[in-house]
Amino acid sequence: MDNFNLKKFLGEKSLLNENAPGYDTRKFGEALPTLESVKAAHEAKEDDKKEIKEEPDPIQAEMKMHLKQYRDGMIDGDDLANAFEEIIYGSVTPPGYNTRYGR
């Protein structure tokens, strides 16, 4: 009996489904997973996937990028203000530029 192989005894079809959730982590004597617990675990994983896939607001991301450049000393306060104005209002007209006729 030391070399008894249950899978060989039962053939290729095993009574145990080794792909079932909780098969590897369930301890002896613990209750089997219920449909509700498996469904709740699956929904929690799907919610986590949705949260990961959601991208941050592109406007906030661009503003954060400009703030980081300002903090790192790559741009000065005027450049930061111009960048925010461009983000908020669209394009910024440079000083001395006539929008109707050009320069």
N, C-alpha and C. Protein backbone atom coordinates (compact mmCIF):
# COMPACT_ATOMS: atom_id res chain seq x y z
N MET A 1 0.80 -1.20 0.00
CA MET A 1 0.00 0.00 0.00
C MET A 1 0.84 1.26 0.00
N ASP A 2 2.14 1.17 0.18
CA ASP A 2 2.97 2.36 0.21
C ASP A 2 3.01 3.05 -1.15
N ASN A 3 2.89 2.33 -2.23
CA ASN A 3 3.00 2.90 -3.56
C ASN A 3 1.65 3.03 -4.24
N PHE A 4 0.59 3.18 -3.50
CA PHE A 4 -0.75 3.27 -4.08
C PHE A 4 -0.92 4.62 -4.78
N ASN A 5 -1.36 4.60 -6.04
CA ASN A 5 -1.57 5.80 -6.83
C ASN A 5 -3.06 5.91 -7.11
N LEU A 6 -3.71 6.88 -6.49
CA LEU A 6 -5.16 7.03 -6.62
C LEU A 6 -5.55 7.40 -8.04
N LYS A 7 -4.80 8.27 -8.69
CA LYS A 7 -5.12 8.66 -10.07
C LYS A 7 -5.04 7.45 -11.00
N LYS A 8 -4.04 6.62 -10.81
CA LYS A 8 -3.92 5.44 -11.66
C LYS A 8 -5.06 4.48 -11.37
N PHE A 9 -5.45 4.37 -10.10
CA PHE A 9 -6.53 3.50 -9.71
C PHE A 9 -7.85 3.95 -10.32
N LEU A 10 -8.08 5.26 -10.34
CA LEU A 10 -9.33 5.80 -10.89
C LEU A 10 -9.27 6.01 -12.39
N GLY A 11 -8.10 5.91 -12.97
CA GLY A 11 -7.95 6.16 -14.39
C GLY A 11 -7.60 7.63 -14.59
N GLU A 12 -7.76 8.12 -15.78
CA GLU A 12 -7.44 9.51 -16.09
C GLU A 12 -8.40 10.47 -15.43
N LYS A 13 -9.64 10.09 -15.24
CA LYS A 13 -10.63 10.98 -14.61
C LYS A 13 -10.49 10.87 -13.10
N SER A 14 -10.13 11.97 -12.52
CA SER A 14 -9.98 12.02 -11.07
C SER A 14 -11.22 12.64 -10.45
N LEU A 15 -11.54 12.21 -9.27
CA LEU A 15 -12.68 12.79 -8.56
C LEU A 15 -12.38 14.19 -8.05
N LEU A 16 -11.10 14.47 -7.84
CA LEU A 16 -10.71 15.78 -7.34
C LEU A 16 -10.45 16.72 -8.50
N ASN A 17 -10.99 17.90 -8.42
CA ASN A 17 -10.72 18.91 -9.43
C ASN A 17 -9.60 19.80 -8.90
N GLU A 18 -8.41 19.59 -9.40
CA GLU A 18 -7.25 20.32 -8.88
C GLU A 18 -7.22 21.77 -9.33
N ASN A 19 -8.11 22.16 -10.23
CA ASN A 19 -8.19 23.55 -10.66
C ASN A 19 -9.23 24.32 -9.86
N ALA A 20 -9.89 23.67 -8.95
CA ALA A 20 -10.92 24.34 -8.16
C ALA A 20 -10.28 25.38 -7.26
N PRO A 21 -10.95 26.54 -7.07
CA PRO A 21 -10.39 27.56 -6.19
C PRO A 21 -10.26 27.03 -4.76
N GLY A 22 -9.14 27.31 -4.16
CA GLY A 22 -8.92 26.89 -2.78
C GLY A 22 -8.37 25.48 -2.66
N TYR A 23 -8.11 24.80 -3.79
CA TYR A 23 -7.62 23.42 -3.72
C TYR A 23 -6.26 23.37 -3.04
N ASP A 24 -5.38 24.28 -3.40
CA ASP A 24 -4.02 24.26 -2.84
C ASP A 24 -3.94 24.91 -1.46
N THR A 25 -4.82 25.86 -1.18
CA THR A 25 -4.70 26.63 0.06
C THR A 25 -5.60 26.12 1.18
N ARG A 26 -6.54 25.24 0.88
CA ARG A 26 -7.47 24.77 1.90
C ARG A 26 -6.77 23.79 2.82
N LYS A 27 -6.96 23.98 4.10
CA LYS A 27 -6.36 23.12 5.11
C LYS A 27 -7.34 21.99 5.45
N PHE A 28 -6.81 20.94 6.02
CA PHE A 28 -7.64 19.79 6.38
C PHE A 28 -8.71 20.22 7.38
N GLY A 29 -9.93 19.87 7.11
CA GLY A 29 -11.03 20.17 8.01
C GLY A 29 -11.74 21.48 7.71
N GLU A 30 -11.17 22.31 6.84
CA GLU A 30 -11.85 23.57 6.49
C GLU A 30 -13.01 23.28 5.55
N ALA A 31 -13.98 24.16 5.58
CA ALA A 31 -15.15 24.00 4.73
C ALA A 31 -14.76 24.24 3.27
N LEU A 32 -15.48 23.57 2.38
CA LEU A 32 -15.26 23.78 0.95
C LEU A 32 -15.73 25.17 0.56
N PRO A 33 -15.13 25.76 -0.47
CA PRO A 33 -15.59 27.07 -0.91
C PRO A 33 -17.01 26.98 -1.47
N THR A 34 -17.80 27.99 -1.16
CA THR A 34 -19.18 28.03 -1.67
C THR A 34 -19.22 28.86 -2.94
N LEU A 35 -20.31 28.77 -3.64
CA LEU A 35 -20.47 29.55 -4.87
C LEU A 35 -20.39 31.04 -4.57
N GLU A 36 -20.99 31.46 -3.46
CA GLU A 36 -20.97 32.87 -3.09
C GLU A 36 -19.56 33.36 -2.80
N SER A 37 -18.77 32.55 -2.11
CA SER A 37 -17.41 32.99 -1.78
C SER A 37 -16.53 33.05 -3.02
N VAL A 38 -16.71 32.10 -3.93
CA VAL A 38 -15.93 32.11 -5.17
C VAL A 38 -16.34 33.29 -6.04
N LYS A 39 -17.66 33.56 -6.09
CA LYS A 39 -18.15 34.68 -6.88
C LYS A 39 -17.64 36.01 -6.32
N ALA A 40 -17.65 36.16 -5.00
CA ALA A 40 -17.16 37.38 -4.36
C ALA A 40 -15.67 37.58 -4.63
N ALA A 41 -14.90 36.51 -4.58
CA ALA A 41 -13.46 36.61 -4.84
C ALA A 41 -13.21 37.00 -6.29
N HIS A 42 -14.00 36.43 -7.20
CA HIS A 42 -13.84 36.76 -8.62
C HIS A 42 -14.20 38.22 -8.89
N GLU A 43 -15.29 38.71 -8.30
CA GLU A 43 -15.69 40.10 -8.48
C GLU A 43 -14.66 41.05 -7.91
N ALA A 44 -14.05 40.68 -6.79
CA ALA A 44 -13.02 41.52 -6.20
C ALA A 44 -11.81 41.62 -7.13
N LYS A 45 -11.44 40.51 -7.77
CA LYS A 45 -10.33 40.54 -8.72
C LYS A 45 -10.68 41.40 -9.93
N GLU A 46 -11.91 41.30 -10.41
CA GLU A 46 -12.33 42.10 -11.57
C GLU A 46 -12.33 43.59 -11.22
N ASP A 47 -12.76 43.93 -10.00
CA ASP A 47 -12.75 45.34 -9.57
C ASP A 47 -11.32 45.86 -9.52
N ASP A 48 -10.39 45.03 -9.03
CA ASP A 48 -8.99 45.44 -8.98
C ASP A 48 -8.44 45.67 -10.38
N LYS A 49 -8.83 44.82 -11.32
CA LYS A 49 -8.37 44.98 -12.70
C LYS A 49 -8.91 46.27 -13.29
N LYS A 50 -10.17 46.60 -12.99
CA LYS A 50 -10.77 47.82 -13.52
C LYS A 50 -10.05 49.05 -12.96
N GLU A 51 -9.72 49.01 -11.67
CA GLU A 51 -9.03 50.14 -11.06
C GLU A 51 -7.64 50.34 -11.66
N ILE A 52 -6.98 49.26 -12.00
CA ILE A 52 -5.66 49.36 -12.59
C ILE A 52 -5.74 49.91 -14.00
N LYS A 53 -6.77 49.50 -14.75
CA LYS A 53 -6.89 49.92 -16.13
C LYS A 53 -7.29 51.38 -16.27
N GLU A 54 -7.96 51.93 -15.26
CA GLU A 54 -8.37 53.33 -15.34
C GLU A 54 -7.13 54.22 -15.35
N GLU A 55 -7.06 55.05 -16.36
CA GLU A 55 -5.92 55.95 -16.46
C GLU A 55 -6.24 57.25 -15.74
N PRO A 56 -5.21 57.90 -15.21
CA PRO A 56 -5.46 59.17 -14.53
C PRO A 56 -5.89 60.22 -15.54
N ASP A 57 -6.50 61.26 -15.03
CA ASP A 57 -6.95 62.36 -15.87
C ASP A 57 -5.74 62.95 -16.58
N PRO A 58 -5.78 63.07 -17.92
CA PRO A 58 -4.59 63.58 -18.64
C PRO A 58 -4.24 65.02 -18.27
N ILE A 59 -5.24 65.81 -17.92
CA ILE A 59 -4.95 67.20 -17.52
C ILE A 59 -4.18 67.21 -16.22
N GLN A 60 -4.63 66.40 -15.25
CA GLN A 60 -3.92 66.32 -13.98
C GLN A 60 -2.50 65.79 -14.18
N ALA A 61 -2.36 64.80 -15.03
CA ALA A 61 -1.03 64.23 -15.28
C ALA A 61 -0.09 65.26 -15.88
N GLU A 62 -0.60 66.06 -16.82
CA GLU A 62 0.25 67.08 -17.43
C GLU A 62 0.61 68.17 -16.43
N MET A 63 -0.34 68.57 -15.59
CA MET A 63 -0.05 69.59 -14.58
C MET A 63 0.99 69.08 -13.57
N LYS A 64 0.85 67.81 -13.18
CA LYS A 64 1.82 67.22 -12.26
C LYS A 64 3.21 67.17 -12.88
N MET A 65 3.26 66.87 -14.19
CA MET A 65 4.54 66.82 -14.87
C MET A 65 5.21 68.20 -14.86
N HIS A 66 4.42 69.26 -15.13
CA HIS A 66 4.98 70.62 -15.12
C HIS A 66 5.39 71.03 -13.71
N LEU A 67 4.61 70.66 -12.70
CA LEU A 67 5.00 70.96 -11.32
C LEU A 67 6.30 70.27 -10.95
N LYS A 68 6.47 69.02 -11.39
CA LYS A 68 7.71 68.29 -11.11
C LYS A 68 8.89 68.99 -11.78
N GLN A 69 8.70 69.45 -13.01
CA GLN A 69 9.78 70.16 -13.69
C GLN A 69 10.11 71.45 -12.95
N TYR A 70 9.11 72.14 -12.43
CA TYR A 70 9.35 73.37 -11.68
C TYR A 70 10.13 73.07 -10.40
N ARG A 71 9.70 72.02 -9.68
CA ARG A 71 10.39 71.65 -8.44
C ARG A 71 11.82 71.21 -8.69
N ASP A 72 12.06 70.56 -9.83
CA ASP A 72 13.41 70.10 -10.16
C ASP A 72 14.29 71.22 -10.70
N GLY A 73 13.71 72.41 -10.91
CA GLY A 73 14.48 73.55 -11.38
C GLY A 73 14.67 73.58 -12.88
N MET A 74 13.91 72.80 -13.61
CA MET A 74 14.05 72.77 -15.07
C MET A 74 13.32 73.94 -15.73
N ILE A 75 12.25 74.44 -15.10
CA ILE A 75 11.52 75.60 -15.61
C ILE A 75 11.33 76.58 -14.48
N ASP A 76 11.09 77.86 -14.82
CA ASP A 76 10.88 78.85 -13.77
C ASP A 76 9.36 79.08 -13.60
N GLY A 77 9.03 80.01 -12.72
CA GLY A 77 7.63 80.29 -12.40
C GLY A 77 6.83 80.80 -13.57
N ASP A 78 7.45 81.64 -14.43
CA ASP A 78 6.75 82.15 -15.60
C ASP A 78 6.39 81.02 -16.56
N ASP A 79 7.33 80.11 -16.76
CA ASP A 79 7.06 78.97 -17.64
C ASP A 79 5.95 78.09 -17.07
N LEU A 80 5.95 77.93 -15.75
CA LEU A 80 4.91 77.13 -15.11
C LEU A 80 3.55 77.80 -15.29
N ALA A 81 3.49 79.11 -15.08
CA ALA A 81 2.23 79.83 -15.25
C ALA A 81 1.74 79.75 -16.69
N ASN A 82 2.66 79.90 -17.66
CA ASN A 82 2.28 79.78 -19.07
C ASN A 82 1.78 78.38 -19.40
N ALA A 83 2.43 77.38 -18.84
CA ALA A 83 2.01 76.00 -19.10
C ALA A 83 0.61 75.75 -18.54
N PHE A 84 0.34 76.22 -17.32
CA PHE A 84 -1.00 76.05 -16.74
C PHE A 84 -2.05 76.81 -17.54
N GLU A 85 -1.70 78.01 -17.98
CA GLU A 85 -2.64 78.80 -18.77
C GLU A 85 -2.95 78.09 -20.09
N GLU A 86 -1.93 77.51 -20.69
CA GLU A 86 -2.14 76.78 -21.94
C GLU A 86 -3.00 75.54 -21.72
N ILE A 87 -2.77 74.85 -20.61
CA ILE A 87 -3.56 73.66 -20.30
C ILE A 87 -5.02 74.03 -20.06
N ILE A 88 -5.25 75.12 -19.31
CA ILE A 88 -6.61 75.48 -18.93
C ILE A 88 -7.37 76.14 -20.07
N TYR A 89 -6.73 77.08 -20.74
CA TYR A 89 -7.44 77.87 -21.75
C TYR A 89 -7.18 77.42 -23.18
N GLY A 90 -6.35 76.46 -23.38
CA GLY A 90 -5.99 76.06 -24.74
C GLY A 90 -4.67 76.68 -25.12
N SER A 91 -4.60 77.27 -26.29
CA SER A 91 -3.34 77.86 -26.72
C SER A 91 -3.17 79.26 -26.13
N VAL A 92 -1.95 79.65 -25.92
CA VAL A 92 -1.62 80.95 -25.36
C VAL A 92 -1.01 81.79 -26.47
N THR A 93 -1.50 83.01 -26.62
CA THR A 93 -0.96 83.92 -27.62
C THR A 93 0.24 84.63 -27.03
N PRO A 94 1.39 84.56 -27.70
CA PRO A 94 2.56 85.23 -27.16
C PRO A 94 2.38 86.75 -27.18
N PRO A 95 3.09 87.47 -26.32
CA PRO A 95 2.97 88.92 -26.30
C PRO A 95 3.39 89.52 -27.64
N GLY A 96 2.67 90.52 -28.10
CA GLY A 96 3.00 91.19 -29.34
C GLY A 96 2.50 90.46 -30.57
N TYR A 97 1.72 89.41 -30.39
CA TYR A 97 1.21 88.64 -31.53
C TYR A 97 -0.24 89.02 -31.77
N ASN A 98 -0.54 89.50 -32.94
CA ASN A 98 -1.90 89.89 -33.28
C ASN A 98 -2.62 88.65 -33.82
N THR A 99 -3.70 88.28 -33.17
CA THR A 99 -4.38 87.05 -33.57
C THR A 99 -5.09 87.17 -34.89
N ARG A 100 -5.46 88.39 -35.30
CA ARG A 100 -6.19 88.55 -36.54
C ARG A 100 -5.26 88.53 -37.76
N TYR A 101 -4.14 89.25 -37.71
CA TYR A 101 -3.27 89.40 -38.87
C TYR A 101 -1.92 88.73 -38.71
N GLY A 102 -1.69 88.09 -37.62
CA GLY A 102 -0.36 87.52 -37.39
C GLY A 102 0.52 88.56 -36.72
N ARG A 103 1.82 88.51 -36.94
CA ARG A 103 2.74 89.43 -36.27
C ARG A 103 2.64 90.80 -36.83
